Protein backbone atom coordinates (compact mmCIF):
# COMPACT_ATOMS: atom_id res chain seq x y z
CA MET A 1 -1.57 10.36 -4.88
CA ARG A 2 -4.87 9.03 -3.54
CA VAL A 3 -4.98 5.84 -1.48
CA ASP A 4 -8.19 3.81 -1.77
CA LYS A 5 -9.72 3.52 1.68
CA LYS A 6 -10.71 -0.07 0.93
CA LEU A 7 -7.05 -1.02 0.78
CA LEU A 8 -6.66 -0.07 4.40
CA LEU A 9 -10.10 -0.40 5.96
CA GLY A 10 -11.07 -3.56 7.74
CA ALA A 11 -7.88 -5.46 7.08
CA LEU A 12 -5.92 -2.81 8.90
CA SER A 13 -8.42 -2.66 11.71
CA LEU A 14 -5.84 -5.16 12.73
CA LEU A 15 -3.96 -6.65 14.40
CA LEU A 16 -3.51 -8.89 17.39
CA THR A 17 -6.17 -9.68 19.94
CA GLY A 18 -3.62 -10.00 22.73
CA SER A 19 -0.85 -12.33 23.80
CA ALA A 20 0.36 -13.65 27.09
CA LEU A 21 2.25 -11.13 29.17
CA ALA A 22 5.48 -12.36 30.66
CA SER A 23 7.65 -9.40 31.58
CA ALA A 24 9.28 -8.79 34.95
CA ASP A 25 7.31 -5.56 35.48
CA PRO A 26 3.76 -6.17 36.78
CA VAL A 27 2.85 -2.48 36.53
CA MET A 28 3.79 -2.36 32.86
CA ASP A 29 1.97 -5.64 32.28
CA ALA A 30 -1.18 -4.16 33.81
CA LYS A 31 -0.95 -1.14 31.50
CA ILE A 32 -0.49 -3.42 28.48
CA SER A 33 -3.52 -5.46 29.57
CA ASP A 34 -5.54 -2.24 29.72
CA LEU A 35 -4.48 -1.40 26.16
CA GLN A 36 -5.42 -4.90 25.00
CA ALA A 37 -8.84 -4.70 26.61
CA GLY A 38 -9.43 -1.19 25.28
CA TRP A 39 -8.46 -2.24 21.78
CA ALA A 40 -10.80 -5.24 21.79
CA HIS A 41 -13.67 -3.06 23.05
CA VAL A 42 -13.19 -0.40 20.38
CA LYS A 43 -12.65 -2.87 17.54
CA TYR A 44 -15.35 -5.40 18.32
CA GLU A 45 -17.94 -3.69 20.54
CA ILE A 46 -18.12 -0.10 19.27
CA LYS A 47 -20.07 0.05 16.02
CA GLY A 48 -19.57 2.56 13.23
CA SER A 49 -16.46 4.48 12.21
CA ASP A 50 -17.83 7.79 13.54
CA ALA A 51 -17.75 6.35 17.05
CA GLN A 52 -14.76 4.07 16.60
CA LEU A 53 -12.30 6.66 15.30
CA PRO A 54 -12.26 9.05 18.29
CA ALA A 55 -12.17 6.06 20.65
CA MET A 56 -9.20 4.54 18.85
CA GLU A 57 -7.44 7.92 18.69
CA ALA A 58 -7.85 8.28 22.45
CA LEU A 59 -6.49 4.78 22.93
CA ALA A 60 -3.51 5.62 20.70
CA SER A 61 -2.77 8.59 22.97
CA ASP A 62 -2.86 6.27 25.99
CA ALA A 63 -0.55 3.82 24.21
CA LYS A 64 1.91 6.60 23.39
CA ALA A 65 2.05 7.53 27.07
CA VAL A 66 2.78 3.92 28.05
CA THR A 67 5.57 3.73 25.48
CA ALA A 68 7.05 6.97 26.81
CA ALA A 69 6.88 5.65 30.37
CA TYR A 70 8.80 2.49 29.45
CA PRO A 71 11.57 3.46 27.01
CA GLY A 72 13.51 0.54 25.65
CA LYS A 73 10.66 -1.92 26.21
CA ALA A 74 9.25 -3.83 23.25
CA GLU A 75 5.76 -4.60 24.56
CA PRO A 76 4.43 -1.00 24.68
CA LEU A 77 5.86 -0.35 21.20
CA ILE A 78 4.06 -3.41 19.84
CA TRP A 79 0.73 -2.35 21.24
CA GLU A 80 1.13 1.25 20.20
CA ALA A 81 1.79 -0.05 16.68
CA ILE A 82 -1.28 -2.30 16.78
CA ILE A 83 -3.50 0.58 17.88
CA LEU A 84 -2.05 2.97 15.29
CA SER A 85 -2.71 0.39 12.59
CA SER A 86 -6.28 -0.02 13.76
CA GLU A 87 -6.72 3.75 13.72
CA ALA A 88 -5.45 3.71 10.14
CA GLY A 89 -8.01 1.08 9.20
CA ILE A 90 -10.83 3.27 10.45
CA LYS A 91 -9.49 6.52 9.00
CA GLY A 92 -8.39 5.42 5.51
CA GLY A 93 -6.73 7.66 2.90
CA MET A 94 -3.31 9.28 3.05
CA GLY A 95 -3.63 9.82 6.79
CA ALA A 96 -3.94 6.07 7.17
CA LEU A 97 -0.77 5.49 5.21
CA SER A 98 1.25 7.75 7.49
CA LEU A 99 -0.11 5.90 10.51
CA VAL A 100 0.84 2.45 9.20
CA LYS A 101 4.32 3.72 8.35
CA GLU A 102 4.64 4.94 11.93
CA ALA A 103 3.37 1.57 13.18
CA LYS A 104 5.92 -0.26 11.03
CA ALA A 105 8.76 1.85 12.45
CA LYS A 106 7.68 1.08 16.01
CA LEU A 107 7.48 -2.64 15.28
CA GLU A 108 10.96 -2.58 13.75
CA THR A 109 12.27 -0.90 16.89
CA ALA A 110 10.55 -3.53 19.03
CA GLU A 111 12.07 -6.24 16.85
CA LYS A 112 15.55 -4.96 17.64
CA ILE A 113 14.80 -4.86 21.37
CA TYR A 114 13.00 -8.17 21.89
CA PRO A 115 11.98 -10.01 18.69
CA THR A 116 10.06 -12.79 20.46
CA ALA A 117 8.03 -10.52 22.77
CA LEU A 118 4.35 -11.34 23.28
CA ASP A 119 4.54 -14.77 21.65
CA GLY A 120 6.11 -13.45 18.45
CA SER A 121 3.66 -10.58 17.97
CA VAL A 122 6.30 -8.50 16.17
CA ASN A 123 6.45 -11.02 13.34
CA THR A 124 2.68 -11.41 13.14
CA SER A 125 2.16 -7.65 13.11
CA LEU A 126 4.83 -6.87 10.53
CA GLY A 127 3.67 -9.74 8.33
CA SER A 128 0.12 -8.43 8.51
CA LEU A 129 1.17 -4.95 7.51
CA TYR A 130 3.32 -6.13 4.61
CA TYR A 131 0.46 -7.95 2.87
CA GLN A 132 -2.30 -5.46 3.63
CA VAL A 133 -0.58 -2.16 2.84
CA PRO A 134 -0.25 -1.20 -0.85
CA GLY A 135 3.15 -1.75 -2.44
CA TRP A 136 5.50 0.74 -4.08
CA PRO A 137 5.10 3.56 -5.10
CA ILE A 138 2.20 4.12 -2.69
CA GLY A 139 3.33 2.14 0.33
CA PHE A 140 5.76 -0.49 1.57
CA GLY A 141 3.67 -3.62 0.98
CA SER A 142 5.50 -6.80 -0.02
CA ASP A 143 4.09 -10.33 -0.30
CA LYS A 144 7.61 -11.74 -0.02
CA GLN A 145 8.23 -9.95 3.27
CA ALA A 146 4.75 -10.85 4.50
CA LYS A 147 5.32 -14.54 3.86
CA ALA A 148 8.68 -14.52 5.63
CA TYR A 149 7.35 -12.76 8.73
CA LEU A 150 4.15 -14.78 8.96
CA GLU A 151 5.94 -18.10 8.61
CA LYS A 152 8.30 -17.03 11.38
CA ALA A 153 5.31 -16.01 13.52
CA VAL A 154 3.62 -19.39 13.11
CA ALA A 155 6.90 -21.16 13.90
CA GLN A 156 7.18 -19.16 17.15
CA ASN A 157 3.54 -19.58 18.17
CA PRO A 158 2.21 -22.58 16.21
CA ASP A 159 -1.14 -22.83 18.01
CA GLY A 160 -1.85 -19.12 18.38
CA ILE A 161 -5.08 -17.74 16.99
CA ASP A 162 -3.52 -14.56 15.60
CA PRO A 163 -0.50 -15.86 13.65
CA ASN A 164 -2.63 -18.62 12.14
CA TYR A 165 -5.45 -16.23 11.24
CA PHE A 166 -3.19 -13.78 9.46
CA TYR A 167 -1.15 -16.49 7.76
CA GLY A 168 -4.35 -18.19 6.62
CA ASP A 169 -5.78 -14.92 5.35
CA PHE A 170 -2.54 -14.24 3.48
CA LEU A 171 -2.63 -17.71 1.87
CA PHE A 172 -6.27 -17.15 0.88
CA ARG A 173 -5.39 -13.88 -0.82
CA GLN A 174 -2.55 -15.67 -2.60
CA GLY A 175 -4.98 -18.28 -3.93
CA ASP A 176 -3.59 -21.19 -1.91
CA TYR A 177 -7.04 -22.24 -0.77
CA ALA A 178 -6.29 -25.75 0.47
CA LYS A 179 -3.48 -24.65 2.77
CA ALA A 180 -5.40 -21.54 3.81
CA ARG A 181 -8.35 -23.69 4.90
CA ASP A 182 -6.11 -25.89 7.06
CA VAL A 183 -4.38 -22.93 8.69
CA LEU A 184 -7.63 -21.05 9.33
CA ASN A 185 -9.29 -24.11 10.85
CA HIS A 186 -6.26 -24.49 13.10
CA ALA A 187 -6.70 -20.85 14.14
CA LEU A 188 -10.37 -21.48 14.86
CA ALA A 189 -9.43 -24.36 17.17
CA ALA A 190 -7.02 -22.25 19.25
CA ALA A 191 -7.45 -22.49 23.00
CA PRO A 192 -9.37 -19.63 24.66
CA ARG A 193 -7.25 -17.00 26.38
CA PRO A 194 -8.39 -16.09 29.90
CA GLY A 195 -9.41 -12.44 30.07
CA ARG A 196 -9.43 -12.10 26.29
CA GLU A 197 -12.97 -13.29 25.63
CA VAL A 198 -14.04 -10.26 23.59
CA ALA A 199 -10.93 -10.38 21.45
CA ASP A 200 -11.14 -14.13 20.89
CA ALA A 201 -14.81 -13.97 19.91
CA GLY A 202 -14.14 -11.17 17.45
CA ARG A 203 -11.18 -12.92 15.89
CA ARG A 204 -13.10 -16.17 15.50
CA GLU A 205 -15.84 -14.30 13.67
CA GLU A 206 -13.20 -12.89 11.29
CA ILE A 207 -11.83 -16.40 10.73
CA ARG A 208 -15.30 -17.72 9.89
CA THR A 209 -15.80 -14.88 7.43
CA VAL A 210 -12.60 -15.72 5.55
CA LEU A 211 -13.46 -19.43 5.57
CA ALA A 212 -16.88 -18.66 4.09
CA GLN A 213 -15.27 -16.58 1.33
CA LEU A 214 -12.82 -19.41 0.70
CA GLU A 215 -15.59 -22.00 0.34
CA THR A 216 -17.44 -19.70 -2.07
CA ARG A 217 -14.32 -19.42 -4.24
CA LEU A 218 -13.85 -23.20 -4.20
CA ALA A 219 -17.49 -23.79 -5.14
CA LYS A 220 -17.05 -21.68 -8.28
CA ARG A 221 -14.14 -23.74 -9.53
């Protein structure tokens, strides 16, 4: 069964632009910060899938090594899942589907270990996957699951740029334009994160894009 690349491209060049690190292991935190910075560089500063894909694949290999070095820790699993999902977004097709399934499994493991890690990134990431991956029989997508996870993410991190962006994008796709506009504008007003300038700038551009699409839809009513 063929999976349309458009179902996975862009939206699955996900996920989070980085959250505050607060573990008791400064060495692990430094490795996670490196993954965050690498992800933002590949996603927002490298142009074109031909250059992005090998860079994201290399970053996924680095993330796998961090996860292996810190078994039982949620934070490396979360970032490995984010990077795998982004690789899927670039790759597309059936290979992309296997990657997002692997990402989902890692997030579910992280959820069992530490469900509130990285400002609720597990909920944001799972919610994002559930509304952007095709549903049965192709994939595991579920708007019901997406809504539940994203609402939990916003409750955990009400002023975060990422949970509000993905929740707003989900509401937009559901046709709830008024609420989507409010949530997306709240995301746009999120406080800058020190050291995450590239990621924040890229995410804000994505928010503006969705807001522009939203206003176009409203103008046609």
